[in-house]
Amino acid sequence: MAEFLAIIEGKSVSPTVQDVQADESDDEPDSEQLKDETISRSHELIKDKIANLSPEEMEELVAAILRGMGYKEKVSPNGPDRGVDVIASPDGLGLTQPRIKAEVKHRDGSMGAPAIRGFIGALREGDSGLFVSTGGFTAKPATKLNAPQSPLP
């Protein structure tokens, strides 16, 4: 009633909570669209952050992901690493399986079969391999007869 009398007298009236909510609901984008946009922006932010990492920081990121999964990990020192940048296992000594050997290639160019074959050559019985390439992989089909004709993962 006080608001009604104020309007008649020409005084300004502050909007009620219901008025504000009604105005906001008209201007609000669809919540599903907002969610999709937020996820898309988040993915772009993560891509940018990863792209700006140094090769050593990328190796540390892979090691941190394995650590987050419950493994004990060791990053190879800079220099020749015989094709293995990170070694991870449940016990930290590599005596308990799964023993994971990871090669991290943090560059723009895609990785081809020779690099992957070299990495596979560094794996021993009981090892699991993880090849990480921020530049992707080439899509050359297998050359052996009767081999599946699909791109590398």
C-alpha atoms as a PDB file:
ATOM      1  CA  MET A   1       0.000   0.000   0.000  1.00  0.00           C
ATOM      2  CA  ALA A   2       2.879   2.354   0.818  1.00  0.00           C
ATOM      3  CA  GLU A   3       4.333   1.798  -2.670  1.00  0.00           C
ATOM      4  CA  PHE A   4       0.961   2.549  -4.255  1.00  0.00           C
ATOM      5  CA  LEU A   5       0.627   5.825  -2.318  1.00  0.00           C
ATOM      6  CA  ALA A   6       4.208   6.777  -3.211  1.00  0.00           C
ATOM      7  CA  ILE A   7       3.487   6.293  -6.917  1.00  0.00           C
ATOM      8  CA  ILE A   8       0.369   8.466  -6.691  1.00  0.00           C
ATOM      9  CA  GLU A   9       2.358  11.190  -4.936  1.00  0.00           C
ATOM     10  CA  GLY A  10       5.079  10.985  -7.647  1.00  0.00           C
ATOM     11  CA  LYS A  11       7.800   9.667  -5.381  1.00  0.00           C
ATOM     12  CA  SER A  12      10.341   7.111  -6.672  1.00  0.00           C
ATOM     13  CA  VAL A  13       9.771   3.547  -5.623  1.00  0.00           C
ATOM     14  CA  SER A  14      12.490   0.896  -5.412  1.00  0.00           C
ATOM     15  CA  PRO A  15      11.649  -2.297  -7.273  1.00  0.00           C
ATOM     16  CA  THR A  16      10.559  -5.291  -5.256  1.00  0.00           C
ATOM     17  CA  VAL A  17      12.443  -8.571  -5.202  1.00  0.00           C
ATOM     18  CA  GLN A  18       9.753 -10.148  -7.389  1.00  0.00           C
ATOM     19  CA  ASP A  19      10.102  -7.364  -9.978  1.00  0.00           C
ATOM     20  CA  VAL A  20      13.873  -7.807 -10.115  1.00  0.00           C
ATOM     21  CA  GLN A  21      13.572 -11.581 -10.454  1.00  0.00           C
ATOM     22  CA  ALA A  22      11.013 -11.220 -13.245  1.00  0.00           C
ATOM     23  CA  ASP A  23      13.280  -8.793 -15.146  1.00  0.00           C
ATOM     24  CA  GLU A  24      16.333 -11.045 -14.687  1.00  0.00           C
ATOM     25  CA  SER A  25      14.501 -14.147 -15.875  1.00  0.00           C
ATOM     26  CA  ASP A  26      13.635 -12.382 -19.143  1.00  0.00           C
ATOM     27  CA  ASP A  27      17.309 -11.514 -19.783  1.00  0.00           C
ATOM     28  CA  GLU A  28      18.881 -14.809 -18.612  1.00  0.00           C
ATOM     29  CA  PRO A  29      20.351 -17.019 -21.312  1.00  0.00           C
ATOM     30  CA  ASP A  30      19.342 -20.641 -21.359  1.00  0.00           C
ATOM     31  CA  SER A  31      21.194 -22.422 -18.544  1.00  0.00           C
ATOM     32  CA  GLU A  32      22.258 -25.241 -20.897  1.00  0.00           C
ATOM     33  CA  GLN A  33      23.750 -22.702 -23.311  1.00  0.00           C
ATOM     34  CA  LEU A  34      25.558 -20.967 -20.449  1.00  0.00           C
ATOM     35  CA  LYS A  35      26.947 -24.312 -19.275  1.00  0.00           C
ATOM     36  CA  ASP A  36      28.182 -25.167 -22.788  1.00  0.00           C
ATOM     37  CA  GLU A  37      29.837 -21.767 -23.186  1.00  0.00           C
ATOM     38  CA  THR A  38      31.547 -22.086 -19.801  1.00  0.00           C
ATOM     39  CA  ILE A  39      32.865 -25.544 -20.631  1.00  0.00           C
ATOM     40  CA  SER A  40      34.106 -24.328 -24.021  1.00  0.00           C
ATOM     41  CA  ARG A  41      35.901 -21.368 -22.460  1.00  0.00           C
ATOM     42  CA  SER A  42      37.407 -23.657 -19.817  1.00  0.00           C
ATOM     43  CA  HIS A  43      38.748 -26.020 -22.490  1.00  0.00           C
ATOM     44  CA  GLU A  44      40.315 -23.101 -24.366  1.00  0.00           C
ATOM     45  CA  LEU A  45      41.912 -21.788 -21.168  1.00  0.00           C
ATOM     46  CA  ILE A  46      43.369 -25.213 -20.385  1.00  0.00           C
ATOM     47  CA  LYS A  47      44.668 -25.582 -23.972  1.00  0.00           C
ATOM     48  CA  ASP A  48      46.358 -22.176 -23.724  1.00  0.00           C
ATOM     49  CA  LYS A  49      47.933 -23.003 -20.365  1.00  0.00           C
ATOM     50  CA  ILE A  50      49.271 -26.341 -21.652  1.00  0.00           C
ATOM     51  CA  ALA A  51      50.572 -24.770 -24.875  1.00  0.00           C
ATOM     52  CA  ASN A  52      52.590 -22.276 -22.835  1.00  0.00           C
ATOM     53  CA  LEU A  53      54.327 -24.944 -20.729  1.00  0.00           C
ATOM     54  CA  SER A  54      57.989 -25.727 -21.355  1.00  0.00           C
ATOM     55  CA  PRO A  55      58.851 -29.348 -22.270  1.00  0.00           C
ATOM     56  CA  GLU A  56      60.099 -29.919 -18.724  1.00  0.00           C
ATOM     57  CA  GLU A  57      56.900 -28.499 -17.227  1.00  0.00           C
ATOM     58  CA  MET A  58      54.866 -30.775 -19.514  1.00  0.00           C
ATOM     59  CA  GLU A  59      56.777 -33.803 -18.190  1.00  0.00           C
ATOM     60  CA  GLU A  60      56.034 -32.614 -14.648  1.00  0.00           C
ATOM     61  CA  LEU A  61      52.334 -32.259 -15.557  1.00  0.00           C
ATOM     62  CA  VAL A  62      52.196 -35.871 -16.810  1.00  0.00           C
ATOM     63  CA  ALA A  63      53.988 -37.001 -13.637  1.00  0.00           C
ATOM     64  CA  ALA A  64      51.517 -35.025 -11.503  1.00  0.00           C
ATOM     65  CA  ILE A  65      48.551 -36.658 -13.269  1.00  0.00           C
ATOM     66  CA  LEU A  66      50.013 -40.108 -12.575  1.00  0.00           C
ATOM     67  CA  ARG A  67      50.679 -39.070  -8.964  1.00  0.00           C
ATOM     68  CA  GLY A  68      47.057 -37.926  -8.709  1.00  0.00           C
ATOM     69  CA  MET A  69      46.032 -41.410  -9.859  1.00  0.00           C
ATOM     70  CA  GLY A  70      47.901 -42.927  -6.912  1.00  0.00           C
ATOM     71  CA  TYR A  71      51.236 -43.818  -8.516  1.00  0.00           C
ATOM     72  CA  LYS A  72      54.707 -42.969  -7.286  1.00  0.00           C
ATOM     73  CA  GLU A  73      56.547 -41.341 -10.162  1.00  0.00           C
ATOM     74  CA  LYS A  74      60.021 -40.240 -11.193  1.00  0.00           C
ATOM     75  CA  VAL A  75      60.821 -37.747 -13.953  1.00  0.00           C
ATOM     76  CA  SER A  76      64.009 -38.440 -15.895  1.00  0.00           C
ATOM     77  CA  PRO A  77      66.636 -35.708 -15.608  1.00  0.00           C
ATOM     78  CA  ASN A  78      67.251 -33.438 -18.613  1.00  0.00           C
ATOM     79  CA  GLY A  79      69.380 -34.979 -21.332  1.00  0.00           C
ATOM     80  CA  PRO A  80      69.309 -38.409 -22.923  1.00  0.00           C
ATOM     81  CA  ASP A  81      66.524 -40.422 -21.308  1.00  0.00           C
ATOM     82  CA  ARG A  82      66.464 -43.479 -23.577  1.00  0.00           C
ATOM     83  CA  GLY A  83      62.953 -42.632 -24.734  1.00  0.00           C
ATOM     84  CA  VAL A  84      61.336 -42.529 -21.290  1.00  0.00           C
ATOM     85  CA  ASP A  85      60.537 -39.229 -19.573  1.00  0.00           C
ATOM     86  CA  VAL A  86      58.446 -40.475 -16.628  1.00  0.00           C
ATOM     87  CA  ILE A  87      58.405 -43.816 -14.825  1.00  0.00           C
ATOM     88  CA  ALA A  88      55.516 -44.579 -12.478  1.00  0.00           C
ATOM     89  CA  SER A  89      54.479 -47.569 -10.399  1.00  0.00           C
ATOM     90  CA  PRO A  90      52.432 -48.266  -7.290  1.00  0.00           C
ATOM     91  CA  ASP A  91      55.532 -48.844  -5.131  1.00  0.00           C
ATOM     92  CA  GLY A  92      57.830 -46.129  -6.485  1.00  0.00           C
ATOM     93  CA  LEU A  93      60.654 -48.577  -7.185  1.00  0.00           C
ATOM     94  CA  GLY A  94      59.115 -50.091 -10.283  1.00  0.00           C
ATOM     95  CA  LEU A  95      58.939 -53.539  -8.726  1.00  0.00           C
ATOM     96  CA  THR A  96      55.139 -53.719  -8.628  1.00  0.00           C
ATOM     97  CA  GLN A  97      53.007 -53.773 -11.758  1.00  0.00           C
ATOM     98  CA  PRO A  98      51.668 -51.858 -13.479  1.00  0.00           C
ATOM     99  CA  ARG A  99      54.970 -50.155 -14.263  1.00  0.00           C
ATOM    100  CA  ILE A 100      54.205 -47.221 -16.543  1.00  0.00           C
ATOM    101  CA  LYS A 101      56.812 -45.629 -18.783  1.00  0.00           C
ATOM    102  CA  ALA A 102      55.778 -42.351 -20.374  1.00  0.00           C
ATOM    103  CA  GLU A 103      57.323 -40.425 -23.244  1.00  0.00           C
ATOM    104  CA  VAL A 104      56.227 -36.785 -23.470  1.00  0.00           C
ATOM    105  CA  LYS A 105      56.540 -34.851 -26.740  1.00  0.00           C
ATOM    106  CA  HIS A 106      55.495 -31.244 -26.200  1.00  0.00           C
ATOM    107  CA  ARG A 107      55.718 -29.592 -29.611  1.00  0.00           C
ATOM    108  CA  ASP A 108      53.573 -28.329 -32.455  1.00  0.00           C
ATOM    109  CA  GLY A 109      54.399 -31.049 -34.981  1.00  0.00           C
ATOM    110  CA  SER A 110      52.613 -34.374 -34.966  1.00  0.00           C
ATOM    111  CA  MET A 111      54.438 -37.566 -34.073  1.00  0.00           C
ATOM    112  CA  GLY A 112      54.821 -40.372 -36.563  1.00  0.00           C
ATOM    113  CA  ALA A 113      55.450 -44.090 -36.480  1.00  0.00           C
ATOM    114  CA  PRO A 114      59.287 -43.919 -36.109  1.00  0.00           C
ATOM    115  CA  ALA A 115      59.061 -42.024 -32.787  1.00  0.00           C
ATOM    116  CA  ILE A 116      56.409 -44.396 -31.485  1.00  0.00           C
ATOM    117  CA  ARG A 117      58.387 -47.462 -32.587  1.00  0.00           C
ATOM    118  CA  GLY A 118      61.443 -46.066 -30.789  1.00  0.00           C
ATOM    119  CA  PHE A 119      59.398 -45.664 -27.626  1.00  0.00           C
ATOM    120  CA  ILE A 120      57.978 -49.171 -27.885  1.00  0.00           C
ATOM    121  CA  GLY A 121      61.568 -50.418 -28.139  1.00  0.00           C
ATOM    122  CA  ALA A 122      62.260 -48.913 -24.697  1.00  0.00           C
ATOM    123  CA  LEU A 123      59.482 -50.960 -23.097  1.00  0.00           C
ATOM    124  CA  ARG A 124      60.326 -54.237 -21.379  1.00  0.00           C
ATOM    125  CA  GLU A 125      58.185 -57.144 -20.242  1.00  0.00           C
ATOM    126  CA  GLY A 126      55.731 -55.962 -17.608  1.00  0.00           C
ATOM    127  CA  ASP A 127      55.871 -52.328 -18.776  1.00  0.00           C
ATOM    128  CA  SER A 128      52.885 -50.295 -19.896  1.00  0.00           C
ATOM    129  CA  GLY A 129      53.559 -47.423 -22.249  1.00  0.00           C
ATOM    130  CA  LEU A 130      52.053 -43.952 -22.315  1.00  0.00           C
ATOM    131  CA  PHE A 131      53.022 -41.760 -25.282  1.00  0.00           C
ATOM    132  CA  VAL A 132      51.861 -38.159 -24.836  1.00  0.00           C
ATOM    133  CA  SER A 133      52.013 -35.781 -27.813  1.00  0.00           C
ATOM    134  CA  THR A 134      50.571 -32.290 -27.611  1.00  0.00           C
ATOM    135  CA  GLY A 135      51.035 -31.972 -31.389  1.00  0.00           C
ATOM    136  CA  GLY A 136      48.964 -35.054 -32.139  1.00  0.00           C
ATOM    137  CA  PHE A 137      49.858 -38.052 -34.273  1.00  0.00           C
ATOM    138  CA  THR A 138      50.179 -38.618 -37.994  1.00  0.00           C
ATOM    139  CA  ALA A 139      47.376 -40.498 -39.645  1.00  0.00           C
ATOM    140  CA  LYS A 140      49.385 -42.843 -41.852  1.00  0.00           C
ATOM    141  CA  PRO A 141      47.807 -46.280 -42.197  1.00  0.00           C
ATOM    142  CA  ALA A 142      49.690 -49.416 -41.205  1.00  0.00           C
ATOM    143  CA  THR A 143      51.821 -50.832 -44.022  1.00  0.00           C
ATOM    144  CA  LYS A 144      51.771 -54.543 -43.169  1.00  0.00           C
ATOM    145  CA  LEU A 145      49.567 -56.832 -45.223  1.00  0.00           C
ATOM    146  CA  ASN A 146      46.247 -57.539 -43.469  1.00  0.00           C
ATOM    147  CA  ALA A 147      46.998 -54.844 -40.843  1.00  0.00           C
ATOM    148  CA  PRO A 148      44.090 -52.634 -39.822  1.00  0.00           C
ATOM    149  CA  GLN A 149      43.952 -49.447 -41.880  1.00  0.00           C
ATOM    150  CA  SER A 150      43.243 -46.958 -39.111  1.00  0.00           C
ATOM    151  CA  PRO A 151      45.210 -43.913 -37.895  1.00  0.00           C
ATOM    152  CA  LEU A 152      47.425 -44.138 -34.847  1.00  0.00           C
ATOM    153  CA  PRO A 153      45.603 -43.309 -31.593  1.00  0.00           C
END
